[in-house]
Amino acid sequence: MDHAARIASQRIAAADRLTRLEQQLVELRALRRGEQDDDEHDPDGVPLSEEWSRLEGLRERAVRTLAELDRAAEAAARGEVPTCIRCGAPIPSGRLEARPQALTCVACAV
């Protein structure tokens, strides 16, 4: 699979993940409006506020990932070879296979 195809594949997965997270947030909002909105004292469950915070964090990360993948797709469409923003070296193909939106080489990512 070439670099552009990897970006497209991961973008689809990230968009699906974002859709699922947003649906979970809609469901959580419904719970907060329902009878179960006083869960802070439930010793057996995770408070809705904690779950809300977790889902919001995951949603924000998914939005950032989509933006990163969009930038990588635009660069690939222009024919740019992915290079490290720190040292200028080409980003190894193995790193791009794992993270096609990578902006740094392995050495600079550490």
PDB file of N, CA and C in Angstrom:
ATOM      1  N   MET A   1       0.850  -1.175   0.000  1.00  0.00           N
ATOM      2  CA  MET A   1       0.000   0.000   0.000  1.00  0.00           C
ATOM      3  C   MET A   1       0.896   1.238   0.000  1.00  0.00           C
ATOM      4  N   ASP A   2       0.613   2.174  -0.886  1.00  0.00           N
ATOM      5  CA  ASP A   2       1.444   3.373  -0.944  1.00  0.00           C
ATOM      6  C   ASP A   2       1.035   4.366   0.154  1.00  0.00           C
ATOM      7  N   HIS A   3       1.840   5.414   0.290  1.00  0.00           N
ATOM      8  CA  HIS A   3       1.661   6.390   1.365  1.00  0.00           C
ATOM      9  C   HIS A   3       0.281   7.050   1.313  1.00  0.00           C
ATOM     10  N   ALA A   4      -0.151   7.481   0.146  1.00  0.00           N
ATOM     11  CA  ALA A   4      -1.458   8.143   0.011  1.00  0.00           C
ATOM     12  C   ALA A   4      -2.599   7.196   0.384  1.00  0.00           C
ATOM     13  N   ALA A   5      -2.473   5.934   0.005  1.00  0.00           N
ATOM     14  CA  ALA A   5      -3.505   4.952   0.344  1.00  0.00           C
ATOM     15  C   ALA A   5      -3.547   4.694   1.848  1.00  0.00           C
ATOM     16  N   ARG A   6      -2.361   4.663   2.492  1.00  0.00           N
ATOM     17  CA  ARG A   6      -2.325   4.489   3.953  1.00  0.00           C
ATOM     18  C   ARG A   6      -3.006   5.665   4.642  1.00  0.00           C
ATOM     19  N   ILE A   7      -2.733   6.867   4.144  1.00  0.00           N
ATOM     20  CA  ILE A   7      -3.365   8.060   4.721  1.00  0.00           C
ATOM     21  C   ILE A   7      -4.884   7.943   4.588  1.00  0.00           C
ATOM     22  N   ALA A   8      -5.348   7.592   3.401  1.00  0.00           N
ATOM     23  CA  ALA A   8      -6.790   7.481   3.157  1.00  0.00           C
ATOM     24  C   ALA A   8      -7.421   6.424   4.059  1.00  0.00           C
ATOM     25  N   SER A   9      -6.748   5.290   4.193  1.00  0.00           N
ATOM     26  CA  SER A   9      -7.256   4.210   5.034  1.00  0.00           C
ATOM     27  C   SER A   9      -7.346   4.637   6.498  1.00  0.00           C
ATOM     28  N   GLN A  10      -6.288   5.272   6.978  1.00  0.00           N
ATOM     29  CA  GLN A  10      -6.302   5.709   8.373  1.00  0.00           C
ATOM     30  C   GLN A  10      -7.292   6.846   8.588  1.00  0.00           C
ATOM     31  N   ARG A  11      -7.509   7.669   7.573  1.00  0.00           N
ATOM     32  CA  ARG A  11      -8.485   8.750   7.715  1.00  0.00           C
ATOM     33  C   ARG A  11      -9.889   8.182   7.852  1.00  0.00           C
ATOM     34  N   ILE A  12     -10.193   7.149   7.084  1.00  0.00           N
ATOM     35  CA  ILE A  12     -11.502   6.493   7.194  1.00  0.00           C
ATOM     36  C   ILE A  12     -11.680   5.930   8.600  1.00  0.00           C
ATOM     37  N   ALA A  13     -10.645   5.258   9.104  1.00  0.00           N
ATOM     38  CA  ALA A  13     -10.719   4.689  10.456  1.00  0.00           C
ATOM     39  C   ALA A  13     -10.886   5.786  11.505  1.00  0.00           C
ATOM     40  N   ALA A  14     -10.161   6.883  11.349  1.00  0.00           N
ATOM     41  CA  ALA A  14     -10.255   7.989  12.314  1.00  0.00           C
ATOM     42  C   ALA A  14     -11.632   8.646  12.253  1.00  0.00           C
ATOM     43  N   ALA A  15     -12.176   8.805  11.062  1.00  0.00           N
ATOM     44  CA  ALA A  15     -13.510   9.396  10.922  1.00  0.00           C
ATOM     45  C   ALA A  15     -14.566   8.486  11.546  1.00  0.00           C
ATOM     46  N   ASP A  16     -14.420   7.179  11.351  1.00  0.00           N
ATOM     47  CA  ASP A  16     -15.340   6.224  11.977  1.00  0.00           C
ATOM     48  C   ASP A  16     -15.243   6.302  13.498  1.00  0.00           C
ATOM     49  N   ARG A  17     -14.019   6.393  14.001  1.00  0.00           N
ATOM     50  CA  ARG A  17     -13.801   6.495  15.449  1.00  0.00           C
ATOM     51  C   ARG A  17     -14.461   7.767  15.993  1.00  0.00           C
ATOM     52  N   LEU A  18     -14.295   8.874  15.273  1.00  0.00           N
ATOM     53  CA  LEU A  18     -14.908  10.136  15.694  1.00  0.00           C
ATOM     54  C   LEU A  18     -16.433  10.019  15.707  1.00  0.00           C
ATOM     55  N   THR A  19     -16.996   9.397  14.695  1.00  0.00           N
ATOM     56  CA  THR A  19     -18.450   9.212  14.635  1.00  0.00           C
ATOM     57  C   THR A  19     -18.940   8.401  15.830  1.00  0.00           C
ATOM     58  N   ARG A  20     -18.239   7.315  16.157  1.00  0.00           N
ATOM     59  CA  ARG A  20     -18.626   6.487  17.313  1.00  0.00           C
ATOM     60  C   ARG A  20     -18.536   7.272  18.615  1.00  0.00           C
ATOM     61  N   LEU A  21     -17.461   8.044  18.770  1.00  0.00           N
ATOM     62  CA  LEU A  21     -17.291   8.833  19.991  1.00  0.00           C
ATOM     63  C   LEU A  21     -18.391   9.887  20.118  1.00  0.00           C
ATOM     64  N   GLU A  22     -18.712  10.530  19.022  1.00  0.00           N
ATOM     65  CA  GLU A  22     -19.771  11.537  19.067  1.00  0.00           C
ATOM     66  C   GLU A  22     -21.116  10.905  19.395  1.00  0.00           C
ATOM     67  N   GLN A  23     -21.358   9.690  18.897  1.00  0.00           N
ATOM     68  CA  GLN A  23     -22.598   8.986  19.233  1.00  0.00           C
ATOM     69  C   GLN A  23     -22.621   8.631  20.720  1.00  0.00           C
ATOM     70  N   GLN A  24     -21.492   8.199  21.251  1.00  0.00           N
ATOM     71  CA  GLN A  24     -21.425   7.888  22.682  1.00  0.00           C
ATOM     72  C   GLN A  24     -21.688   9.138  23.515  1.00  0.00           C
ATOM     73  N   LEU A  25     -21.196  10.279  23.065  1.00  0.00           N
ATOM     74  CA  LEU A  25     -21.447  11.529  23.783  1.00  0.00           C
ATOM     75  C   LEU A  25     -22.927  11.907  23.729  1.00  0.00           C
ATOM     76  N   VAL A  26     -23.577  11.682  22.602  1.00  0.00           N
ATOM     77  CA  VAL A  26     -25.018  11.935  22.495  1.00  0.00           C
ATOM     78  C   VAL A  26     -25.768  11.051  23.491  1.00  0.00           C
ATOM     79  N   GLU A  27     -25.392   9.783  23.558  1.00  0.00           N
ATOM     80  CA  GLU A  27     -26.039   8.857  24.488  1.00  0.00           C
ATOM     81  C   GLU A  27     -25.797   9.274  25.935  1.00  0.00           C
ATOM     82  N   LEU A  28     -24.595   9.742  26.217  1.00  0.00           N
ATOM     83  CA  LEU A  28     -24.269  10.181  27.571  1.00  0.00           C
ATOM     84  C   LEU A  28     -25.077  11.428  27.947  1.00  0.00           C
ATOM     85  N   ARG A  29     -25.244  12.338  26.995  1.00  0.00           N
ATOM     86  CA  ARG A  29     -26.079  13.525  27.253  1.00  0.00           C
ATOM     87  C   ARG A  29     -27.506  13.103  27.597  1.00  0.00           C
ATOM     88  N   ALA A  30     -28.010  12.096  26.890  1.00  0.00           N
ATOM     89  CA  ALA A  30     -29.362  11.602  27.156  1.00  0.00           C
ATOM     90  C   ALA A  30     -29.448  11.023  28.569  1.00  0.00           C
ATOM     91  N   LEU A  31     -28.420  10.311  28.992  1.00  0.00           N
ATOM     92  CA  LEU A  31     -28.398   9.771  30.355  1.00  0.00           C
ATOM     93  C   LEU A  31     -28.402  10.898  31.383  1.00  0.00           C
ATOM     94  N   ARG A  32     -27.656  11.945  31.101  1.00  0.00           N
ATOM     95  CA  ARG A  32     -27.580  13.073  32.041  1.00  0.00           C
ATOM     96  C   ARG A  32     -28.935  13.760  32.182  1.00  0.00           C
ATOM     97  N   ARG A  33     -29.721  13.748  31.118  1.00  0.00           N
ATOM     98  CA  ARG A  33     -31.052  14.360  31.178  1.00  0.00           C
ATOM     99  C   ARG A  33     -32.072  13.426  31.811  1.00  0.00           C
ATOM    100  N   GLY A  34     -31.741  12.156  31.871  1.00  0.00           N
ATOM    101  CA  GLY A  34     -32.684  11.164  32.382  1.00  0.00           C
ATOM    102  C   GLY A  34     -32.624  11.017  33.891  1.00  0.00           C
ATOM    103  N   GLU A  35     -33.189   9.947  34.346  1.00  0.00           N
ATOM    104  CA  GLU A  35     -33.266   9.670  35.778  1.00  0.00           C
ATOM    105  C   GLU A  35     -31.913   9.350  36.384  1.00  0.00           C
ATOM    106  N   GLN A  36     -30.968   8.984  35.589  1.00  0.00           N
ATOM    107  CA  GLN A  36     -29.691   8.510  36.104  1.00  0.00           C
ATOM    108  C   GLN A  36     -28.660   9.615  36.223  1.00  0.00           C
ATOM    109  N   ASP A  37     -29.101  10.872  36.332  1.00  0.00           N
ATOM    110  CA  ASP A  37     -28.124  11.954  36.329  1.00  0.00           C
ATOM    111  C   ASP A  37     -27.441  12.165  37.671  1.00  0.00           C
ATOM    112  N   ASP A  38     -27.890  11.502  38.736  1.00  0.00           N
ATOM    113  CA  ASP A  38     -27.217  11.612  40.027  1.00  0.00           C
ATOM    114  C   ASP A  38     -26.429  10.333  40.275  1.00  0.00           C
ATOM    115  N   ASP A  39     -25.384  10.142  39.507  1.00  0.00           N
ATOM    116  CA  ASP A  39     -24.589   8.923  39.626  1.00  0.00           C
ATOM    117  C   ASP A  39     -23.311   9.148  40.404  1.00  0.00           C
ATOM    118  N   GLU A  40     -23.063  10.350  40.859  1.00  0.00           N
ATOM    119  CA  GLU A  40     -21.801  10.662  41.535  1.00  0.00           C
ATOM    120  C   GLU A  40     -21.621   9.848  42.809  1.00  0.00           C
ATOM    121  N   HIS A  41     -22.713   9.344  43.366  1.00  0.00           N
ATOM    122  CA  HIS A  41     -22.626   8.599  44.623  1.00  0.00           C
ATOM    123  C   HIS A  41     -22.823   7.098  44.413  1.00  0.00           C
ATOM    124  N   ASP A  42     -22.798   6.664  43.179  1.00  0.00           N
ATOM    125  CA  ASP A  42     -22.967   5.244  42.864  1.00  0.00           C
ATOM    126  C   ASP A  42     -21.630   4.539  43.035  1.00  0.00           C
ATOM    127  N   PRO A  43     -21.504   3.690  44.078  1.00  0.00           N
ATOM    128  CA  PRO A  43     -20.209   3.045  44.326  1.00  0.00           C
ATOM    129  C   PRO A  43     -19.839   1.994  43.279  1.00  0.00           C
ATOM    130  N   ASP A  44     -20.808   1.555  42.492  1.00  0.00           N
ATOM    131  CA  ASP A  44     -20.544   0.485  41.531  1.00  0.00           C
ATOM    132  C   ASP A  44     -20.245   0.976  40.122  1.00  0.00           C
ATOM    133  N   GLY A  45     -20.456   2.242  39.854  1.00  0.00           N
ATOM    134  CA  GLY A  45     -20.301   2.707  38.483  1.00  0.00           C
ATOM    135  C   GLY A  45     -19.349   3.873  38.347  1.00  0.00           C
ATOM    136  N   VAL A  46     -18.986   4.133  37.115  1.00  0.00           N
ATOM    137  CA  VAL A  46     -18.147   5.288  36.794  1.00  0.00           C
ATOM    138  C   VAL A  46     -19.076   6.498  36.702  1.00  0.00           C
ATOM    139  N   PRO A  47     -18.758   7.579  37.399  1.00  0.00           N
ATOM    140  CA  PRO A  47     -19.611   8.765  37.304  1.00  0.00           C
ATOM    141  C   PRO A  47     -19.711   9.265  35.862  1.00  0.00           C
ATOM    142  N   LEU A  48     -20.891   9.769  35.519  1.00  0.00           N
ATOM    143  CA  LEU A  48     -21.088  10.280  34.161  1.00  0.00           C
ATOM    144  C   LEU A  48     -20.091  11.382  33.836  1.00  0.00           C
ATOM    145  N   SER A  49     -19.758  12.203  34.827  1.00  0.00           N
ATOM    146  CA  SER A  49     -18.810  13.292  34.570  1.00  0.00           C
ATOM    147  C   SER A  49     -17.434  12.752  34.192  1.00  0.00           C
ATOM    148  N   GLU A  50     -17.038  11.652  34.804  1.00  0.00           N
ATOM    149  CA  GLU A  50     -15.746  11.044  34.464  1.00  0.00           C
ATOM    150  C   GLU A  50     -15.781  10.461  33.057  1.00  0.00           C
ATOM    151  N   GLU A  51     -16.875   9.792  32.735  1.00  0.00           N
ATOM    152  CA  GLU A  51     -17.022   9.215  31.394  1.00  0.00           C
ATOM    153  C   GLU A  51     -17.092  10.330  30.347  1.00  0.00           C
ATOM    154  N   TRP A  52     -17.780  11.405  30.675  1.00  0.00           N
ATOM    155  CA  TRP A  52     -17.878  12.563  29.773  1.00  0.00           C
ATOM    156  C   TRP A  52     -16.480  13.104  29.469  1.00  0.00           C
ATOM    157  N   SER A  53     -15.697  13.275  30.512  1.00  0.00           N
ATOM    158  CA  SER A  53     -14.339  13.802  30.361  1.00  0.00           C
ATOM    159  C   SER A  53     -13.487  12.876  29.497  1.00  0.00           C
ATOM    160  N   ARG A  54     -13.593  11.586  29.734  1.00  0.00           N
ATOM    161  CA  ARG A  54     -12.826  10.600  28.961  1.00  0.00           C
ATOM    162  C   ARG A  54     -13.215  10.654  27.486  1.00  0.00           C
ATOM    163  N   LEU A  55     -14.516  10.641  27.216  1.00  0.00           N
ATOM    164  CA  LEU A  55     -14.984  10.661  25.827  1.00  0.00           C
ATOM    165  C   LEU A  55     -14.621  11.965  25.125  1.00  0.00           C
ATOM    166  N   GLU A  56     -14.711  13.085  25.825  1.00  0.00           N
ATOM    167  CA  GLU A  56     -14.338  14.374  25.229  1.00  0.00           C
ATOM    168  C   GLU A  56     -12.853  14.389  24.860  1.00  0.00           C
ATOM    169  N   GLY A  57     -12.014  13.841  25.738  1.00  0.00           N
ATOM    170  CA  GLY A  57     -10.585  13.767  25.442  1.00  0.00           C
ATOM    171  C   GLY A  57     -10.309  12.916  24.212  1.00  0.00           C
ATOM    172  N   LEU A  58     -10.978  11.773  24.120  1.00  0.00           N
ATOM    173  CA  LEU A  58     -10.808  10.902  22.957  1.00  0.00           C
ATOM    174  C   LEU A  58     -11.334  11.573  21.688  1.00  0.00           C
ATOM    175  N   ARG A  59     -12.450  12.295  21.807  1.00  0.00           N
ATOM    176  CA  ARG A  59     -13.013  12.993  20.654  1.00  0.00           C
ATOM    177  C   ARG A  59     -12.063  14.086  20.165  1.00  0.00           C
ATOM    178  N   GLU A  60     -11.502  14.846  21.087  1.00  0.00           N
ATOM    179  CA  GLU A  60     -10.554  15.899  20.703  1.00  0.00           C
ATOM    180  C   GLU A  60      -9.334  15.307  20.006  1.00  0.00           C
ATOM    181  N   ARG A  61      -8.862  14.170  20.498  1.00  0.00           N
ATOM    182  CA  ARG A  61      -7.714  13.510  19.862  1.00  0.00           C
ATOM    183  C   ARG A  61      -8.074  13.044  18.453  1.00  0.00           C
ATOM    184  N   ALA A  62      -9.277  12.506  18.291  1.00  0.00           N
ATOM    185  CA  ALA A  62      -9.715  12.050  16.970  1.00  0.00           C
ATOM    186  C   ALA A  62      -9.810  13.219  15.991  1.00  0.00           C
ATOM    187  N   VAL A  63     -10.281  14.367  16.465  1.00  0.00           N
ATOM    188  CA  VAL A  63     -10.356  15.562  15.611  1.00  0.00           C
ATOM    189  C   VAL A  63      -8.952  15.992  15.189  1.00  0.00           C
ATOM    190  N   ARG A  64      -8.005  15.985  16.137  1.00  0.00           N
ATOM    191  CA  ARG A  64      -6.612  16.355  15.806  1.00  0.00           C
ATOM    192  C   ARG A  64      -6.019  15.375  14.802  1.00  0.00           C
ATOM    193  N   THR A  65      -6.273  14.084  15.004  1.00  0.00           N
ATOM    194  CA  THR A  65      -5.750  13.066  14.091  1.00  0.00           C
ATOM    195  C   THR A  65      -6.290  13.281  12.681  1.00  0.00           C
ATOM    196  N   LEU A  66      -7.578  13.571  12.566  1.00  0.00           N
ATOM    197  CA  LEU A  66      -8.155  13.840  11.240  1.00  0.00           C
ATOM    198  C   LEU A  66      -7.488  15.037  10.582  1.00  0.00           C
ATOM    199  N   ALA A  67      -7.249  16.085  11.339  1.00  0.00           N
ATOM    200  CA  ALA A  67      -6.582  17.272  10.781  1.00  0.00           C
ATOM    201  C   ALA A  67      -5.164  16.930  10.331  1.00  0.00           C
ATOM    202  N   GLU A  68      -4.453  16.141  11.129  1.00  0.00           N
ATOM    203  CA  GLU A  68      -3.089  15.729  10.761  1.00  0.00           C
ATOM    204  C   GLU A  68      -3.107  14.895   9.483  1.00  0.00           C
ATOM    205  N   LEU A  69      -4.061  13.979   9.387  1.00  0.00           N
ATOM    206  CA  LEU A  69      -4.165  13.136   8.198  1.00  0.00           C
ATOM    207  C   LEU A  69      -4.545  13.960   6.972  1.00  0.00           C
ATOM    208  N   ASP A  70      -5.397  14.951   7.149  1.00  0.00           N
ATOM    209  CA  ASP A  70      -5.751  15.831   6.027  1.00  0.00           C
ATOM    210  C   ASP A  70      -4.524  16.595   5.531  1.00  0.00           C
ATOM    211  N   ARG A  71      -3.715  17.105   6.466  1.00  0.00           N
ATOM    212  CA  ARG A  71      -2.486  17.813   6.062  1.00  0.00           C
ATOM    213  C   ARG A  71      -1.539  16.864   5.329  1.00  0.00           C
ATOM    214  N   ALA A  72      -1.420  15.633   5.829  1.00  0.00           N
ATOM    215  CA  ALA A  72      -0.547  14.651   5.179  1.00  0.00           C
ATOM    216  C   ALA A  72      -1.066  14.311   3.781  1.00  0.00           C
ATOM    217  N   ALA A  73      -2.380  14.203   3.628  1.00  0.00           N
ATOM    218  CA  ALA A  73      -2.969  13.897   2.316  1.00  0.00           C
ATOM    219  C   ALA A  73      -2.712  15.034   1.333  1.00  0.00           C
ATOM    220  N   GLU A  74      -2.837  16.273   1.807  1.00  0.00           N
ATOM    221  CA  GLU A  74      -2.570  17.427   0.942  1.00  0.00           C
ATOM    222  C   GLU A  74      -1.110  17.443   0.494  1.00  0.00           C
ATOM    223  N   ALA A  75      -0.198  17.150   1.422  1.00  0.00           N
ATOM    224  CA  ALA A  75       1.227  17.118   1.077  1.00  0.00           C
ATOM    225  C   ALA A  75       1.509  15.997   0.076  1.00  0.00           C
ATOM    226  N   ALA A  76       0.900  14.838   0.285  1.00  0.00           N
ATOM    227  CA  ALA A  76       1.094  13.715  -0.637  1.00  0.00           C
ATOM    228  C   ALA A  76       0.545  14.060  -2.020  1.00  0.00           C
ATOM    229  N   ALA A  77      -0.589  14.752  -2.065  1.00  0.00           N
ATOM    230  CA  ALA A  77      -1.179  15.144  -3.352  1.00  0.00           C
ATOM    231  C   ALA A  77      -0.277  16.115  -4.109  1.00  0.00           C
ATOM    232  N   ARG A  78       0.492  16.913  -3.367  1.00  0.00           N
ATOM    233  CA  ARG A  78       1.441  17.842  -4.002  1.00  0.00           C
ATOM    234  C   ARG A  78       2.740  17.132  -4.385  1.00  0.00           C
ATOM    235  N   GLY A  79       2.850  15.850  -4.041  1.00  0.00           N
ATOM    236  CA  GLY A  79       4.044  15.085  -4.371  1.00  0.00           C
ATOM    237  C   GLY A  79       5.199  15.285  -3.409  1.00  0.00           C
ATOM    238  N   GLU A  80       4.928  15.858  -2.262  1.00  0.00           N
ATOM    239  CA  GLU A  80       5.990  16.100  -1.280  1.00  0.00           C
ATOM    240  C   GLU A  80       6.429  14.787  -0.632  1.00  0.00           C
ATOM    241  N   VAL A  81       7.728  14.632  -0.478  1.00  0.00           N
ATOM    242  CA  VAL A  81       8.285  13.486   0.234  1.00  0.00           C
ATOM    243  C   VAL A  81       8.269  13.837   1.718  1.00  0.00           C
ATOM    244  N   PRO A  82       7.681  12.989   2.566  1.00  0.00           N
ATOM    245  CA  PRO A  82       7.624  13.304   3.991  1.00  0.00           C
ATOM    246  C   PRO A  82       9.024  13.412   4.602  1.00  0.00           C
ATOM    247  N   THR A  83       9.337  14.588   5.111  1.00  0.00           N
ATOM    248  CA  THR A  83      10.625  14.815   5.765  1.00  0.00           C
ATOM    249  C   THR A  83      10.385  15.324   7.177  1.00  0.00           C
ATOM    250  N   CYS A  84      11.345  15.043   8.030  1.00  0.00           N
ATOM    251  CA  CYS A  84      11.279  15.421   9.437  1.00  0.00           C
ATOM    252  C   CYS A  84      11.292  16.947   9.573  1.00  0.00           C
ATOM    253  N   ILE A  85      10.370  17.476  10.370  1.00  0.00           N
ATOM    254  CA  ILE A  85      10.312  18.930  10.556  1.00  0.00           C
ATOM    255  C   ILE A  85      11.431  19.431  11.462  1.00  0.00           C
ATOM    256  N   ARG A  86      12.123  18.511  12.145  1.00  0.00           N
ATOM    257  CA  ARG A  86      13.218  18.927  13.027  1.00  0.00           C
ATOM    258  C   ARG A  86      14.580  18.852  12.348  1.00  0.00           C
ATOM    259  N   CYS A  87      14.879  17.694  11.740  1.00  0.00           N
ATOM    260  CA  CYS A  87      16.223  17.521  11.188  1.00  0.00           C
ATOM    261  C   CYS A  87      16.256  17.547   9.662  1.00  0.00           C
ATOM    262  N   GLY A  88      15.098  17.462   9.021  1.00  0.00           N
ATOM    263  CA  GLY A  88      15.034  17.509   7.566  1.00  0.00           C
ATOM    264  C   GLY A  88      15.273  16.184   6.870  1.00  0.00           C
ATOM    265  N   ALA A  89      15.548  15.130   7.630  1.00  0.00           N
ATOM    266  CA  ALA A  89      15.782  13.810   7.037  1.00  0.00           C
ATOM    267  C   ALA A  89      14.454  13.212   6.555  1.00  0.00           C
ATOM    268  N   PRO A  90      14.526  12.365   5.532  1.00  0.00           N
ATOM    269  CA  PRO A  90      13.306  11.681   5.098  1.00  0.00           C
ATOM    270  C   PRO A  90      12.757  10.818   6.240  1.00  0.00           C
ATOM    271  N   ILE A  91      11.448  10.782   6.365  1.00  0.00           N
ATOM    272  CA  ILE A  91      10.831   9.944   7.395  1.00  0.00           C
ATOM    273  C   ILE A  91      10.808   8.518   6.854  1.00  0.00           C
ATOM    274  N   PRO A  92      11.360   7.555   7.613  1.00  0.00           N
ATOM    275  CA  PRO A  92      11.440   6.171   7.135  1.00  0.00           C
ATOM    276  C   PRO A  92      10.058   5.580   6.817  1.00  0.00           C
ATOM    277  N   SER A  93      10.029   4.725   5.816  1.00  0.00           N
ATOM    278  CA  SER A  93       8.759   4.141   5.379  1.00  0.00           C
ATOM    279  C   SER A  93       8.082   3.346   6.493  1.00  0.00           C
ATOM    280  N   GLY A  94       8.861   2.690   7.344  1.00  0.00           N
ATOM    281  CA  GLY A  94       8.272   1.940   8.455  1.00  0.00           C
ATOM    282  C   GLY A  94       7.484   2.835   9.396  1.00  0.00           C
ATOM    283  N   ARG A  95       8.022   4.019   9.653  1.00  0.00           N
ATOM    284  CA  ARG A  95       7.309   4.973  10.513  1.00  0.00           C
ATOM    285  C   ARG A  95       6.046   5.468   9.819  1.00  0.00           C
ATOM    286  N   LEU A  96       6.138   5.708   8.520  1.00  0.00           N
ATOM    287  CA  LEU A  96       4.970   6.184   7.780  1.00  0.00           C
ATOM    288  C   LEU A  96       3.901   5.109   7.647  1.00  0.00           C
ATOM    289  N   GLU A  97       4.320   3.843   7.641  1.00  0.00           N
ATOM    290  CA  GLU A  97       3.334   2.761   7.614  1.00  0.00           C
ATOM    291  C   GLU A  97       2.521   2.762   8.899  1.00  0.00           C
ATOM    292  N   ALA A  98       3.201   2.990  10.020  1.00  0.00           N
ATOM    293  CA  ALA A  98       2.525   2.990  11.316  1.00  0.00           C
ATOM    294  C   ALA A  98       1.760   4.285  11.565  1.00  0.00           C
ATOM    295  N   ARG A  99       2.330   5.392  11.117  1.00  0.00           N
ATOM    296  CA  ARG A  99       1.742   6.713  11.394  1.00  0.00           C
ATOM    297  C   ARG A  99       1.952   7.598  10.170  1.00  0.00           C
ATOM    298  N   PRO A 100       1.078   7.471   9.166  1.00  0.00           N
ATOM    299  CA  PRO A 100       1.301   8.186   7.912  1.00  0.00           C
ATOM    300  C   PRO A 100       1.302   9.703   8.043  1.00  0.00           C
ATOM    301  N   GLN A 101       0.783  10.229   9.128  1.00  0.00           N
ATOM    302  CA  GLN A 101       0.778  11.676   9.327  1.00  0.00           C
ATOM    303  C   GLN A 101       1.987  12.153  10.128  1.00  0.00           C
ATOM    304  N   ALA A 102       2.958  11.257  10.350  1.00  0.00           N
ATOM    305  CA  ALA A 102       4.143  11.607  11.144  1.00  0.00           C
ATOM    306  C   ALA A 102       4.854  12.825  10.565  1.00  0.00           C
ATOM    307  N   LEU A 103       5.286  13.708  11.471  1.00  0.00           N
ATOM    308  CA  LEU A 103       6.017  14.911  11.072  1.00  0.00           C
ATOM    309  C   LEU A 103       7.493  14.830  11.419  1.00  0.00           C
ATOM    310  N   THR A 104       7.864  13.817  12.207  1.00  0.00           N
ATOM    311  CA  THR A 104       9.255  13.670  12.624  1.00  0.00           C
ATOM    312  C   THR A 104       9.746  12.261  12.329  1.00  0.00           C
ATOM    313  N   CYS A 105      11.062  12.151  12.172  1.00  0.00           N
ATOM    314  CA  CYS A 105      11.674  10.831  12.027  1.00  0.00           C
ATOM    315  C   CYS A 105      11.671  10.170  13.409  1.00  0.00           C
ATOM    316  N   VAL A 106      12.058   8.919  13.456  1.00  0.00           N
ATOM    317  CA  VAL A 106      12.053   8.183  14.721  1.00  0.00           C
ATOM    318  C   VAL A 106      12.997   8.826  15.729  1.00  0.00           C
ATOM    319  N   ALA A 107      14.186   9.197  15.300  1.00  0.00           N
ATOM    320  CA  ALA A 107      15.175   9.776  16.218  1.00  0.00           C
ATOM    321  C   ALA A 107      14.669  11.074  16.840  1.00  0.00           C
ATOM    322  N   CYS A 108      14.019  11.911  16.059  1.00  0.00           N
ATOM    323  CA  CYS A 108      13.537  13.203  16.571  1.00  0.00           C
ATOM    324  C   CYS A 108      12.238  13.068  17.358  1.00  0.00           C
ATOM    325  N   ALA A 109      11.543  11.970  17.180  1.00  0.00           N
ATOM    326  CA  ALA A 109      10.270  11.776  17.881  1.00  0.00           C
ATOM    327  C   ALA A 109      10.471  11.409  19.343  1.00  0.00           C
ATOM    328  N   VAL A 110      11.666  10.951  19.671  1.00  0.00           N
ATOM    329  CA  VAL A 110      11.932  10.485  21.044  1.00  0.00           C
ATOM    330  C   VAL A 110      12.134  11.641  21.970  1.00  0.00           C
TER     331      VAL A 110
END
